[in-house]
Structure formats: structure tokens, C-alpha cells
C-alpha atoms as a PDB file:
ATOM      1  CA  MET A   1      -6.080  15.828 -20.854  1.00  0.00           C
ATOM      2  CA  LYS A   2      -9.177  15.517 -22.182  1.00  0.00           C
ATOM      3  CA  GLU A   3      -8.495  12.450 -24.052  1.00  0.00           C
ATOM      4  CA  SER A   4      -7.042  11.007 -20.586  1.00  0.00           C
ATOM      5  CA  LEU A   5      -9.913  12.264 -18.684  1.00  0.00           C
ATOM      6  CA  SER A   6     -12.391  10.629 -21.546  1.00  0.00           C
ATOM      7  CA  THR A   7     -10.172   7.162 -21.140  1.00  0.00           C
ATOM      8  CA  ARG A   8     -10.321   6.854 -17.346  1.00  0.00           C
ATOM      9  CA  VAL A   9     -14.532   7.325 -17.574  1.00  0.00           C
ATOM     10  CA  ALA A  10     -14.469   4.977 -20.381  1.00  0.00           C
ATOM     11  CA  SER A  11     -12.579   2.297 -18.604  1.00  0.00           C
ATOM     12  CA  SER A  12     -14.429   3.041 -15.170  1.00  0.00           C
ATOM     13  CA  LEU A  13     -17.687   2.214 -16.711  1.00  0.00           C
ATOM     14  CA  VAL A  14     -16.382  -0.699 -18.381  1.00  0.00           C
ATOM     15  CA  GLY A  15     -14.854  -1.906 -14.949  1.00  0.00           C
ATOM     16  CA  ALA A  16     -18.204  -1.095 -13.130  1.00  0.00           C
ATOM     17  CA  ALA A  17     -20.195  -3.514 -15.261  1.00  0.00           C
ATOM     18  CA  LEU A  18     -18.152  -5.637 -15.298  1.00  0.00           C
ATOM     19  CA  LEU A  19     -17.485  -5.560 -11.865  1.00  0.00           C
ATOM     20  CA  LEU A  20     -21.222  -5.995 -11.038  1.00  0.00           C
ATOM     21  CA  LEU A  21     -21.596  -9.178 -13.667  1.00  0.00           C
ATOM     22  CA  VAL A  22     -19.179 -10.730 -11.284  1.00  0.00           C
ATOM     23  CA  LEU A  23     -20.797  -9.980  -8.010  1.00  0.00           C
ATOM     24  CA  TRP A  24     -23.848 -11.206  -9.187  1.00  0.00           C
ATOM     25  CA  ALA A  25     -23.167 -14.136 -10.588  1.00  0.00           C
ATOM     26  CA  GLY A  26     -21.084 -15.573  -7.614  1.00  0.00           C
ATOM     27  CA  LEU A  27     -18.537 -18.443  -7.151  1.00  0.00           C
ATOM     28  CA  PRO A  28     -18.828 -19.504 -10.901  1.00  0.00           C
ATOM     29  CA  LEU A  29     -17.479 -16.255 -12.179  1.00  0.00           C
ATOM     30  CA  LEU A  30     -15.687 -14.578  -8.348  1.00  0.00           C
ATOM     31  CA  LEU A  31     -13.136 -17.309  -8.160  1.00  0.00           C
ATOM     32  CA  PRO A  32     -11.804 -16.917 -11.678  1.00  0.00           C
ATOM     33  CA  THR A  33     -11.661 -13.224 -11.254  1.00  0.00           C
ATOM     34  CA  LEU A  34      -9.812 -13.611  -8.323  1.00  0.00           C
ATOM     35  CA  LEU A  35      -7.465 -15.811  -9.450  1.00  0.00           C
ATOM     36  CA  PHE A  36      -6.942 -13.428 -12.167  1.00  0.00           C
ATOM     37  CA  VAL A  37      -6.444 -10.759 -10.222  1.00  0.00           C
ATOM     38  CA  LEU A  38      -3.776 -13.056  -8.179  1.00  0.00           C
ATOM     39  CA  PHE A  39      -1.586 -13.671 -11.119  1.00  0.00           C
ATOM     40  CA  LEU A  40      -1.761 -10.079 -12.435  1.00  0.00           C
ATOM     41  CA  GLY A  41      -1.247  -8.224  -8.799  1.00  0.00           C
ATOM     42  CA  THR A  42       1.795 -10.214  -8.056  1.00  0.00           C
ATOM     43  CA  TRP A  43       3.197  -9.506 -11.281  1.00  0.00           C
ATOM     44  CA  GLU A  44       2.946  -6.556 -11.125  1.00  0.00           C
ATOM     45  CA  MET A  45       4.459  -7.057  -7.042  1.00  0.00           C
ATOM     46  CA  GLN A  46       7.436  -8.736  -8.941  1.00  0.00           C
ATOM     47  CA  GLU A  47       7.874  -6.067 -11.354  1.00  0.00           C
ATOM     48  CA  MET A  48       7.754  -2.830  -9.081  1.00  0.00           C
ATOM     49  CA  LEU A  49      10.398  -4.531  -6.602  1.00  0.00           C
ATOM     50  CA  ARG A  50      12.565  -5.349  -9.286  1.00  0.00           C
ATOM     51  CA  ARG A  51      13.394  -2.540  -9.787  1.00  0.00           C
ATOM     52  CA  LYS A  52      15.030  -2.207  -5.846  1.00  0.00           C
ATOM     53  CA  GLU A  53      17.100  -5.498  -7.159  1.00  0.00           C
ATOM     54  CA  VAL A  54      14.630  -7.252  -4.901  1.00  0.00           C
ATOM     55  CA  GLU A  55      13.050 -11.072  -5.632  1.00  0.00           C
ATOM     56  CA  LEU A  56       9.855 -12.297  -4.810  1.00  0.00           C
ATOM     57  CA  ASN A  57       9.210 -16.280  -4.697  1.00  0.00           C
ATOM     58  CA  LEU A  58       6.449 -15.910  -7.212  1.00  0.00           C
ATOM     59  CA  LEU A  59       6.152 -20.016  -6.762  1.00  0.00           C
ATOM     60  CA  PHE A  60       5.194 -19.014  -3.199  1.00  0.00           C
ATOM     61  CA  LEU A  61       2.809 -16.333  -3.537  1.00  0.00           C
ATOM     62  CA  ARG A  62       0.604 -18.256  -6.735  1.00  0.00           C
ATOM     63  CA  VAL A  63       0.895 -21.536  -5.121  1.00  0.00           C
ATOM     64  CA  GLY A  64      -0.013 -20.099  -1.755  1.00  0.00           C
ATOM     65  CA  GLY A  65      -2.668 -17.675  -2.974  1.00  0.00           C
ATOM     66  CA  VAL A  66      -4.483 -20.765  -4.836  1.00  0.00           C
ATOM     67  CA  VAL A  67      -4.677 -22.550  -1.488  1.00  0.00           C
ATOM     68  CA  MET A  68      -5.771 -19.488   0.237  1.00  0.00           C
ATOM     69  CA  LEU A  69      -8.797 -18.802  -1.934  1.00  0.00           C
ATOM     70  CA  LEU A  70      -9.693 -22.876  -2.597  1.00  0.00           C
ATOM     71  CA  PHE A  71      -9.625 -22.889   1.367  1.00  0.00           C
ATOM     72  CA  SER A  72     -11.856 -19.737   1.288  1.00  0.00           C
ATOM     73  CA  LEU A  73     -14.485 -21.238  -0.222  1.00  0.00           C
ATOM     74  CA  PRO A  74     -18.213 -20.973   1.606  1.00  0.00           C
ATOM     75  CA  GLN A  75     -18.710 -24.340   1.301  1.00  0.00           C
ATOM     76  CA  LEU A  76     -15.673 -25.681   3.650  1.00  0.00           C
ATOM     77  CA  TYR A  77     -17.138 -23.679   6.525  1.00  0.00           C
ATOM     78  CA  TRP A  78     -20.731 -24.408   5.557  1.00  0.00           C
ATOM     79  CA  HIS A  79     -19.838 -28.301   6.090  1.00  0.00           C
ATOM     80  CA  TYR A  80     -16.862 -27.952   8.654  1.00  0.00           C
ATOM     81  CA  PRO A  81     -17.697 -24.748  10.440  1.00  0.00           C
ATOM     82  CA  GLN A  82     -15.306 -26.181  13.360  1.00  0.00           C
ATOM     83  CA  VAL A  83     -12.156 -26.234  11.049  1.00  0.00           C
ATOM     84  CA  PRO A  84     -10.477 -22.570  10.810  1.00  0.00           C
ATOM     85  CA  TRP A  85      -9.556 -22.722   7.117  1.00  0.00           C
ATOM     86  CA  ARG A  86      -7.896 -20.003   6.473  1.00  0.00           C
ATOM     87  CA  GLU A  87      -5.261 -20.657   9.510  1.00  0.00           C
ATOM     88  CA  VAL A  88      -4.788 -23.855   8.240  1.00  0.00           C
ATOM     89  CA  ALA A  89      -4.534 -23.036   4.794  1.00  0.00           C
ATOM     90  CA  LEU A  90      -1.725 -20.153   6.134  1.00  0.00           C
ATOM     91  CA  GLY A  91       0.574 -22.637   8.563  1.00  0.00           C
ATOM     92  CA  VAL A  92       0.801 -25.180   4.887  1.00  0.00           C
ATOM     93  CA  VAL A  93       1.982 -22.317   2.648  1.00  0.00           C
ATOM     94  CA  LEU A  94       4.447 -21.340   5.051  1.00  0.00           C
ATOM     95  CA  LEU A  95       5.446 -24.282   5.586  1.00  0.00           C
ATOM     96  CA  GLY A  96       5.768 -24.392   2.145  1.00  0.00           C
ATOM     97  CA  ALA A  97       8.048 -21.332   1.605  1.00  0.00           C
ATOM     98  CA  PHE A  98      10.326 -22.362   4.764  1.00  0.00           C
ATOM     99  CA  SER A  99      10.524 -25.967   2.688  1.00  0.00           C
ATOM    100  CA  TYR A 100      11.628 -23.807  -0.502  1.00  0.00           C
ATOM    101  CA  GLU A 101      14.389 -21.424   1.094  1.00  0.00           C
ATOM    102  CA  LEU A 102      15.704 -24.611   3.221  1.00  0.00           C
ATOM    103  CA  LEU A 103      15.915 -26.229  -0.576  1.00  0.00           C
ATOM    104  CA  HIS A 104      17.317 -23.601  -2.594  1.00  0.00           C
ATOM    105  CA  GLY A 105      19.321 -21.111  -0.918  1.00  0.00           C
ATOM    106  CA  ALA A 106      18.120 -20.149   2.023  1.00  0.00           C
ATOM    107  CA  ASN A 107      17.297 -16.471   0.753  1.00  0.00           C
ATOM    108  CA  ILE A 108      16.077 -14.778   3.660  1.00  0.00           C
ATOM    109  CA  PRO A 109      15.425 -11.475   2.157  1.00  0.00           C
ATOM    110  CA  ARG A 110      13.944 -13.096  -0.652  1.00  0.00           C
ATOM    111  CA  PHE A 111      11.563 -14.899   2.279  1.00  0.00           C
ATOM    112  CA  ALA A 112      10.347 -11.806   4.287  1.00  0.00           C
ATOM    113  CA  PHE A 113       9.307 -10.051   0.950  1.00  0.00           C
ATOM    114  CA  SER A 114       7.340 -12.711  -0.265  1.00  0.00           C
ATOM    115  CA  LEU A 115       5.697 -13.192   3.176  1.00  0.00           C
ATOM    116  CA  MET A 116       4.740  -9.463   3.045  1.00  0.00           C
ATOM    117  CA  ALA A 117       3.666  -9.447  -0.491  1.00  0.00           C
ATOM    118  CA  PHE A 118       1.669 -12.847   0.396  1.00  0.00           C
ATOM    119  CA  LEU A 119      -0.245 -11.014   3.585  1.00  0.00           C
ATOM    120  CA  TYR A 120      -0.662  -8.098   1.594  1.00  0.00           C
ATOM    121  CA  LEU A 121      -2.600  -9.395  -1.570  1.00  0.00           C
ATOM    122  CA  PRO A 122      -3.392 -13.633  -1.351  1.00  0.00           C
ATOM    123  CA  TRP A 123      -4.223 -13.654   1.727  1.00  0.00           C
ATOM    124  CA  THR A 124      -6.955 -10.554   1.751  1.00  0.00           C
ATOM    125  CA  LEU A 125      -8.339 -11.728  -1.345  1.00  0.00           C
ATOM    126  CA  GLY A 126     -10.269 -14.609  -0.026  1.00  0.00           C
ATOM    127  CA  TYR A 127     -12.232 -12.533   2.173  1.00  0.00           C
ATOM    128  CA  ALA A 128     -14.069 -11.706  -1.058  1.00  0.00           C
ATOM    129  CA  LEU A 129     -15.413 -15.118  -1.014  1.00  0.00           C
ATOM    130  CA  LEU A 130     -16.510 -15.052   2.572  1.00  0.00           C
ATOM    131  CA  LEU A 131     -18.057 -12.140   2.217  1.00  0.00           C
ATOM    132  CA  ARG A 132     -20.502 -13.017  -1.109  1.00  0.00           C
ATOM    133  CA  TYR A 133     -21.768 -15.350   0.811  1.00  0.00           C
ATOM    134  CA  SER A 134     -22.222 -13.906   4.052  1.00  0.00           C
ATOM    135  CA  PRO A 135     -24.461 -14.581   5.515  1.00  0.00           C
ATOM    136  CA  ASP A 136     -25.633 -16.686   2.528  1.00  0.00           C
ATOM    137  CA  GLY A 137     -25.651 -16.183  -1.041  1.00  0.00           C
ATOM    138  CA  THR A 138     -28.512 -13.840  -1.767  1.00  0.00           C
ATOM    139  CA  SER A 139     -27.769 -11.345   1.105  1.00  0.00           C
ATOM    140  CA  GLY A 140     -23.862 -11.700   0.258  1.00  0.00           C
ATOM    141  CA  LEU A 141     -24.337 -10.031  -2.683  1.00  0.00           C
ATOM    142  CA  TRP A 142     -24.894  -7.173  -0.673  1.00  0.00           C
ATOM    143  CA  THR A 143     -22.536  -7.742   1.742  1.00  0.00           C
ATOM    144  CA  LEU A 144     -19.695  -7.299  -0.431  1.00  0.00           C
ATOM    145  CA  THR A 145     -20.802  -4.447  -1.841  1.00  0.00           C
ATOM    146  CA  LEU A 146     -20.479  -2.789   1.503  1.00  0.00           C
ATOM    147  CA  PRO A 147     -16.468  -2.421   1.200  1.00  0.00           C
ATOM    148  CA  ILE A 148     -16.609  -1.792  -2.363  1.00  0.00           C
ATOM    149  CA  VAL A 149     -18.583   1.152  -1.720  1.00  0.00           C
ATOM    150  CA  ALA A 150     -16.856   3.071   1.134  1.00  0.00           C
ATOM    151  CA  SER A 151     -14.024   2.149  -0.413  1.00  0.00           C
ATOM    152  CA  PHE A 152     -14.923   3.860  -3.590  1.00  0.00           C
ATOM    153  CA  ALA A 153     -16.087   6.634  -1.860  1.00  0.00           C
ATOM    154  CA  THR A 154     -13.247   6.946   0.231  1.00  0.00           C
ATOM    155  CA  ASP A 155     -11.690   7.306  -2.645  1.00  0.00           C
ATOM    156  CA  ILE A 156     -13.496  10.211  -4.342  1.00  0.00           C
ATOM    157  CA  GLY A 157     -14.586  12.077  -0.977  1.00  0.00           C
ATOM    158  CA  ALA A 158     -10.767  12.454  -0.379  1.00  0.00           C
ATOM    159  CA  TYR A 159      -9.666  13.243  -3.567  1.00  0.00           C
ATOM    160  CA  PHE A 160     -12.573  16.411  -4.382  1.00  0.00           C
ATOM    161  CA  VAL A 161     -11.987  17.782  -1.106  1.00  0.00           C
ATOM    162  CA  GLY A 162      -8.332  17.560  -1.025  1.00  0.00           C
ATOM    163  CA  ARG A 163      -8.068  19.329  -4.237  1.00  0.00           C
ATOM    164  CA  ARG A 164     -10.708  22.315  -3.093  1.00  0.00           C
ATOM    165  CA  PHE A 165      -9.938  22.453   0.736  1.00  0.00           C
ATOM    166  CA  GLY A 166      -6.467  20.626   1.294  1.00  0.00           C
ATOM    167  CA  ARG A 167      -4.383  22.882   2.899  1.00  0.00           C
ATOM    168  CA  ARG A 168      -2.218  20.260   5.595  1.00  0.00           C
ATOM    169  CA  LYS A 169      -0.374  17.396   4.222  1.00  0.00           C
ATOM    170  CA  LEU A 170      -1.181  13.828   5.638  1.00  0.00           C
ATOM    171  CA  ALA A 171       1.947  12.016   4.723  1.00  0.00           C
ATOM    172  CA  PRO A 172       4.423  14.202   2.806  1.00  0.00           C
ATOM    173  CA  GLU A 173       7.368  11.807   2.316  1.00  0.00           C
ATOM    174  CA  ILE A 174       5.054   8.557   1.237  1.00  0.00           C
ATOM    175  CA  SER A 175       1.930  10.882  -0.917  1.00  0.00           C
ATOM    176  CA  PRO A 176       2.756  14.670  -0.987  1.00  0.00           C
ATOM    177  CA  GLY A 177      -0.602  14.892  -2.753  1.00  0.00           C
ATOM    178  CA  LYS A 178      -2.822  13.612   0.455  1.00  0.00           C
ATOM    179  CA  THR A 179      -4.177  16.360   2.818  1.00  0.00           C
ATOM    180  CA  VAL A 180      -5.924  15.919   6.151  1.00  0.00           C
ATOM    181  CA  GLU A 181      -8.561  18.383   5.230  1.00  0.00           C
ATOM    182  CA  GLY A 182      -8.862  15.158   1.991  1.00  0.00           C
ATOM    183  CA  SER A 183      -9.404  12.210   4.663  1.00  0.00           C
ATOM    184  CA  PHE A 184     -11.886  13.969   6.585  1.00  0.00           C
ATOM    185  CA  GLY A 185     -13.614  14.683   3.283  1.00  0.00           C
ATOM    186  CA  GLY A 186     -13.354  10.610   2.356  1.00  0.00           C
ATOM    187  CA  ILE A 187     -14.706   9.866   5.444  1.00  0.00           C
ATOM    188  CA  LEU A 188     -17.814  12.362   5.214  1.00  0.00           C
ATOM    189  CA  VAL A 189     -18.235  10.895   1.603  1.00  0.00           C
ATOM    190  CA  SER A 190     -17.580   7.364   2.368  1.00  0.00           C
ATOM    191  CA  PHE A 191     -20.538   7.876   5.677  1.00  0.00           C
ATOM    192  CA  LEU A 192     -22.513   9.763   3.165  1.00  0.00           C
ATOM    193  CA  ALA A 193     -22.480   7.050   0.488  1.00  0.00           C
ATOM    194  CA  LEU A 194     -23.310   4.292   2.822  1.00  0.00           C
ATOM    195  CA  LEU A 195     -26.238   5.896   4.537  1.00  0.00           C
ATOM    196  CA  LEU A 196     -27.857   6.285   1.398  1.00  0.00           C
ATOM    197  CA  TYR A 197     -26.954   3.082  -0.237  1.00  0.00           C
ATOM    198  CA  THR A 198     -28.127   1.030   3.269  1.00  0.00           C
ATOM    199  CA  SER A 199     -31.214   2.978   2.774  1.00  0.00           C
ATOM    200  CA  LEU A 200     -32.199   2.086  -0.581  1.00  0.00           C
ATOM    201  CA  VAL A 201     -30.876  -1.779   0.143  1.00  0.00           C
ATOM    202  CA  ARG A 202     -31.498  -2.434   3.870  1.00  0.00           C
ATOM    203  CA  GLU A 203     -30.407  -6.373   3.199  1.00  0.00           C
ATOM    204  CA  ALA A 204     -26.570  -4.975   3.130  1.00  0.00           C
ATOM    205  CA  PHE A 205     -26.803  -3.683   6.660  1.00  0.00           C
ATOM    206  CA  PRO A 206     -29.161  -4.488   8.830  1.00  0.00           C
ATOM    207  CA  PHE A 207     -28.177  -2.491  11.764  1.00  0.00           C
ATOM    208  CA  GLY A 208     -28.924   0.649  13.421  1.00  0.00           C
ATOM    209  CA  PHE A 209     -27.762   4.168  12.394  1.00  0.00           C
ATOM    210  CA  LEU A 210     -24.455   4.144  15.117  1.00  0.00           C
ATOM    211  CA  GLU A 211     -23.782   0.760  13.851  1.00  0.00           C
ATOM    212  CA  LEU A 212     -23.236   2.259  10.027  1.00  0.00           C
ATOM    213  CA  LEU A 213     -21.410   5.631  11.655  1.00  0.00           C
ATOM    214  CA  LEU A 214     -18.863   3.682  13.134  1.00  0.00           C
ATOM    215  CA  PHE A 215     -19.169   0.717  10.173  1.00  0.00           C
ATOM    216  CA  SER A 216     -18.347   3.636   7.900  1.00  0.00           C
ATOM    217  CA  LEU A 217     -15.652   5.203  10.198  1.00  0.00           C
ATOM    218  CA  LEU A 218     -13.647   1.933  10.358  1.00  0.00           C
ATOM    219  CA  LEU A 219     -13.834   1.283   6.191  1.00  0.00           C
ATOM    220  CA  SER A 220     -13.007   4.829   4.958  1.00  0.00           C
ATOM    221  CA  LEU A 221      -9.791   4.864   7.705  1.00  0.00           C
ATOM    222  CA  ALA A 222      -9.215   1.291   6.404  1.00  0.00           C
ATOM    223  CA  ALA A 223      -9.679   2.363   2.791  1.00  0.00           C
ATOM    224  CA  GLN A 224      -7.302   5.254   3.267  1.00  0.00           C
ATOM    225  CA  LEU A 225      -4.750   3.001   4.582  1.00  0.00           C
ATOM    226  CA  GLY A 226      -4.426   0.807   2.051  1.00  0.00           C
ATOM    227  CA  ASP A 227      -4.291   3.412  -0.391  1.00  0.00           C
ATOM    228  CA  LEU A 228      -1.297   4.899   1.842  1.00  0.00           C
ATOM    229  CA  THR A 229       0.510   1.717   1.861  1.00  0.00           C
ATOM    230  CA  GLU A 230       0.647   1.289  -2.029  1.00  0.00           C
ATOM    231  CA  SER A 231       1.693   4.753  -2.101  1.00  0.00           C
ATOM    232  CA  MET A 232       4.186   3.510   0.491  1.00  0.00           C
ATOM    233  CA  PHE A 233       5.519   0.563  -1.868  1.00  0.00           C
ATOM    234  CA  LYS A 234       5.289   2.881  -4.822  1.00  0.00           C
ATOM    235  CA  ARG A 235       7.444   5.324  -3.629  1.00  0.00           C
ATOM    236  CA  TYR A 236      10.008   2.672  -2.029  1.00  0.00           C
ATOM    237  CA  CYS A 237      10.518   0.881  -6.015  1.00  0.00           C
ATOM    238  CA  GLY A 238      10.420   4.732  -7.350  1.00  0.00           C
ATOM    239  CA  VAL A 239       7.415   4.094  -9.707  1.00  0.00           C
ATOM    240  CA  LYS A 240       4.059   6.174  -9.981  1.00  0.00           C
ATOM    241  CA  ASP A 241       1.893   3.631 -11.410  1.00  0.00           C
ATOM    242  CA  SER A 242       2.167  -0.256  -9.994  1.00  0.00           C
ATOM    243  CA  GLY A 243       1.396  -0.796 -13.873  1.00  0.00           C
ATOM    244  CA  SER A 244      -0.587  -0.260 -16.968  1.00  0.00           C
ATOM    245  CA  PHE A 245      -3.338  -2.396 -17.226  1.00  0.00           C
ATOM    246  CA  LEU A 246      -6.118  -0.353 -17.241  1.00  0.00           C
ATOM    247  CA  PRO A 247      -5.995   3.059 -19.165  1.00  0.00           C
ATOM    248  CA  GLY A 248      -5.989   6.123 -16.975  1.00  0.00           C
ATOM    249  CA  HIS A 249      -6.003   4.111 -13.840  1.00  0.00           C
ATOM    250  CA  GLY A 250      -2.664   2.954 -13.730  1.00  0.00           C
ATOM    251  CA  GLY A 251      -1.968  -0.749 -12.271  1.00  0.00           C
ATOM    252  CA  LEU A 252      -4.517  -2.946 -11.197  1.00  0.00           C
ATOM    253  CA  LEU A 253      -2.757  -2.682  -7.518  1.00  0.00           C
ATOM    254  CA  ASP A 254      -3.693   1.184  -8.145  1.00  0.00           C
ATOM    255  CA  ARG A 255      -7.123   0.260  -8.421  1.00  0.00           C
ATOM    256  CA  ILE A 256      -8.068  -2.330  -5.560  1.00  0.00           C
ATOM    257  CA  ASP A 257      -5.515  -0.936  -2.810  1.00  0.00           C
ATOM    258  CA  SER A 258      -8.006  -0.278  -0.919  1.00  0.00           C
ATOM    259  CA  LEU A 259     -10.041  -3.105  -0.730  1.00  0.00           C
ATOM    260  CA  LEU A 260      -7.362  -4.931   0.290  1.00  0.00           C
ATOM    261  CA  PHE A 261      -7.540  -3.235   3.601  1.00  0.00           C
ATOM    262  CA  THR A 262     -11.415  -3.143   3.585  1.00  0.00           C
ATOM    263  CA  LEU A 263     -12.302  -6.329   2.620  1.00  0.00           C
ATOM    264  CA  PRO A 264     -11.045  -8.415   5.317  1.00  0.00           C
ATOM    265  CA  LEU A 265     -12.359  -5.702   8.122  1.00  0.00           C
ATOM    266  CA  THR A 266     -15.578  -6.187   6.428  1.00  0.00           C
ATOM    267  CA  TYR A 267     -15.741  -9.826   7.265  1.00  0.00           C
ATOM    268  CA  TYR A 268     -14.910  -9.248  11.101  1.00  0.00           C
ATOM    269  CA  LEU A 269     -17.320  -5.992  11.716  1.00  0.00           C
ATOM    270  CA  ALA A 270     -19.647  -8.445  10.195  1.00  0.00           C
ATOM    271  CA  VAL A 271     -18.800 -11.049  12.859  1.00  0.00           C
ATOM    272  CA  ILE A 272     -18.651  -8.572  15.026  1.00  0.00           C
ATOM    273  CA  PHE A 273     -22.364  -7.092  14.743  1.00  0.00           C
ATOM    274  CA  THR A 274     -23.835 -10.432  13.775  1.00  0.00           C
END
């Protein structure tokens, strides 16, 4: 147990240091990192679903994911803001996926599961690029940290409050360890963390207290929904972790499941608030 805890702490510190470096550097490191997450994450999904004899179209997921990331580059939106680049990319990718099935067996279950996986991972990753440069390359650094702070704080709050006060099961058929009390703890800790963070870094959230309260509530709920969605996938596939990439933490998808829901929500909230 001590060895497991020390492994988790050590890998968390290394991961946090690398994450800060990637966020600070911006596009030169962020884009390669997202490509790495795309390829490893799709591989983890394939391995999980293979246990249920479900086949994924990895070509669709990875090539389509690269297209989606390239169409999420902020330079496109700066020079041609009237073009809905991500919607264009989604249309192109879907046409390619339909064409693939017409030529290779018309496997409808493969298409359906691949489309679900595409919306779950490749589609959401592009929002990290958009947030990093919203509204510009300087302030975008702080904008992108908001869903990260909210997601991590929600996970920590839900875990410790749930362990101490948890009584009522939140989703017993999907994740028996999560409780209603833990969920409220996650919401509270997320709000406190964002309140402290935005007090120290005013550029991160140039709005008022009520906006922050709504922002933190929605992000915490999205983070918990992302966590439960990943748990649903794992329970369906009969696995405990999505992989073994991170020592003591399981797979990559286990670590970013909350972010996959908070990244797009943060982008749209930022658009609404501004």
C-alpha cells in the first residue's frame, strides 16, 4: 500500500510538472502532446472494447482525430473567423467513415462504436487548442487552466468527502464507490479551488462572483459526468482501469476522463460570458 501511494505521488508530481511545461509552451508542445493522447487513448479504447469483441475503426479515429486537431488550430479562426472549421472537419470525417464502411463490409456496429469513440476523445481534444488561445496566446494560458483546476479539485473533493461522509450511492450500477455526499464535496472543493485560483490569477476569470459560482457548479458536474462515463465504459468492458500507462493511476483515459467533458464546456461558457 505504501509503495502504491508513493508511486501515485511520484507519478503525479512528474505529470504535473510536464503538464505545466506543455501549457506554458503552447502550440509547439501542446499539439504533439494532444497527438500522443489521441493515439494512446484510441489504443486504450480499442483494447477495452476488444474484450467485448467490439471492433473499432482505428483509421477513422486517428486520421479523423488529426483532421479535427488541425481544424481546431487557432490560426484558422484568426484569419477566417466566418468558417465553422470544426463542423467542417466533422462533416469530412463522417463522410470518410461512411465511405470506408461502404467499401469494407458495411459493419454498422463498428461504425456506431467508432463514432461514439470519436466524439468521446478526438472531438473533445481540439478544444484544448482553442482554449489555449482564447482570447489570445497570453490570457489563454490561464483560460485553459480553469477546467484543469476544476476537474482535479472535483476529483479530490469527491474522493475525500465521499470516504469520510459517504452514505448514499450515486450510481451503484456503474460505480459503487461514488456517493451523493462525495458529489457535493466535489462541487464544494471545486468552487473553493476556483475561488482561490481566480483570486490569485485575475486574468483567468475576469467576471463576477455569481458567474464564478455558476461556472464552477457546471464544470464540477461535467467533471463528474465524465468520470462516470469512463466508469460506464470500463464496467461494460469488464476492466478496472483503461490501461497501465501511468504507474499507480491506471490508464491515460482514467486520468483525463473529467477533462474530456470540462474542456468543451469551458470553451462554450467562455464564449457565452464574453
